[in-house]
Structures are given as C-alpha cells and as structure tokens.
Amino acid sequence: MKMRLFVLLIVICSFSSIIYGFTLEEDQAAVAHKYIGGGTIGLFLVAMPLFLYHESKGKNMKDYMLTKENIDKMQENERKKTENQ
C-alpha cells in the first residue's frame, strides 16, 4: 500500500510539473522546458519502473510467455468454447 501511494505521489508531482511548465510564459522557455522534461523523466524513468516492479512482484513470468505449453492451453480453451456454444 505504501509503494502504491509513493508511485501515485510521483505521478501527481510529474503531471503537476509538466502542467506548470506549459503554463509558464514564453520569455521563460528554458525554465519551462526543464519542468516539462523533469516531469516526463519522473513519469517514465521513475514512476513506471516502480509501478511495474511492484505489480509484477511474486508473479510467474512463464505464465505470460508464449511457449508451446501455453499455446496448447489456449487452443484447448478455444476448442472447449466452440463446443459449448
């Protein structure tokens, strides 16, 4: 729960930084670009990897890979669905 709130805080701060960067005047373009870039980095290099790590912890990656066993399971499930209809 703490990690979820931490990621949410980073996302909110990043979006706030991007919005603030877009609201700055044209004469402060260099500063605006720094806020927009910082917000983007916060989203894609900090928040997204933390979120993916937190959500995938404890899950078996073989369940999500396209292996021969999983293809056979999917085909068997499709056959069962068509037979039941």
Protein backbone atom coordinates (compact mmCIF):
# COMPACT_ATOMS: atom_id res chain seq x y z
CA MET A 1 0.00 0.00 0.00
CA LYS A 2 2.86 2.38 0.79
CA MET A 3 4.51 1.73 -2.57
CA ARG A 4 1.24 2.40 -4.39
CA LEU A 5 0.88 5.76 -2.62
CA PHE A 6 4.52 6.60 -3.35
CA VAL A 7 4.07 5.87 -7.06
CA LEU A 8 0.85 7.90 -7.08
CA LEU A 9 2.67 10.82 -5.46
CA ILE A 10 5.41 10.68 -8.10
CA VAL A 11 2.79 10.60 -10.88
CA ILE A 12 0.92 13.57 -9.44
CA CYS A 13 4.14 15.56 -8.98
CA SER A 14 5.26 14.71 -12.52
CA PHE A 15 1.96 15.77 -14.08
CA SER A 16 1.98 18.93 -11.98
CA SER A 17 5.49 19.73 -13.18
CA ILE A 18 4.50 19.21 -16.82
CA ILE A 19 1.39 21.37 -16.48
CA TYR A 20 3.35 24.09 -14.70
CA GLY A 21 5.96 24.02 -17.47
CA PHE A 22 3.26 24.56 -20.08
CA THR A 23 1.76 27.49 -18.17
CA LEU A 24 4.99 29.49 -17.97
CA GLU A 25 5.39 32.49 -20.25
CA GLU A 26 7.38 32.37 -23.49
CA ASP A 27 10.18 34.51 -22.07
CA GLN A 28 10.88 31.72 -19.55
CA ALA A 29 11.10 28.98 -22.19
CA ALA A 30 14.34 27.49 -20.84
CA VAL A 31 12.85 27.05 -17.38
CA ALA A 32 9.60 25.70 -18.83
CA HIS A 33 11.47 23.04 -20.79
CA LYS A 34 13.22 21.92 -17.60
CA TYR A 35 9.91 21.48 -15.77
CA ILE A 36 8.37 19.58 -18.68
CA GLY A 37 11.46 17.38 -19.06
CA GLY A 38 11.68 16.72 -15.33
CA GLY A 39 8.03 15.70 -15.21
CA THR A 40 8.48 13.40 -18.18
CA ILE A 41 11.55 11.78 -16.62
CA GLY A 42 9.63 11.36 -13.38
CA LEU A 43 6.83 9.55 -15.19
CA PHE A 44 8.78 7.28 -17.48
CA LEU A 45 12.06 6.65 -15.68
CA VAL A 46 10.89 6.63 -12.06
CA ALA A 47 7.13 6.02 -11.69
CA MET A 48 6.64 3.47 -14.47
CA PRO A 49 9.51 1.13 -13.46
CA LEU A 50 8.45 1.31 -9.80
CA PHE A 51 4.87 0.53 -10.74
CA LEU A 52 5.87 -2.39 -12.98
CA TYR A 53 8.19 -3.82 -10.32
CA HIS A 54 5.55 -3.53 -7.62
CA GLU A 55 2.75 -5.07 -9.69
CA SER A 56 4.81 -7.94 -11.11
CA LYS A 57 6.41 -8.98 -7.82
CA GLY A 58 5.53 -12.59 -6.98
CA LYS A 59 4.12 -13.46 -10.40
CA ASN A 60 5.50 -16.23 -12.59
CA MET A 61 6.75 -14.76 -15.86
CA LYS A 62 6.36 -18.12 -17.65
CA ASP A 63 2.59 -17.69 -17.39
CA TYR A 64 2.84 -14.63 -19.64
CA MET A 65 5.31 -16.01 -22.20
CA LEU A 66 4.21 -17.58 -25.47
CA THR A 67 5.53 -21.11 -25.06
CA LYS A 68 4.39 -24.35 -26.70
CA GLU A 69 2.59 -25.37 -23.49
CA ASN A 70 0.69 -22.08 -23.27
CA ILE A 71 -0.24 -22.22 -26.97
CA ASP A 72 -1.64 -25.73 -26.44
CA LYS A 73 -3.64 -24.48 -23.41
CA MET A 74 -5.08 -21.58 -25.43
CA GLN A 75 -6.05 -23.89 -28.32
CA GLU A 76 -7.69 -26.32 -25.91
CA ASN A 77 -9.66 -23.48 -24.29
CA GLU A 78 -10.81 -22.30 -27.74
CA ARG A 79 -11.97 -25.82 -28.63
CA LYS A 80 -13.94 -26.03 -25.37
CA LYS A 81 -15.58 -22.66 -26.00
CA THR A 82 -16.67 -23.61 -29.52
CA GLU A 83 -18.00 -26.98 -28.32
CA ASN A 84 -20.08 -25.33 -25.58
CA GLN A 85 -21.71 -22.87 -27.97
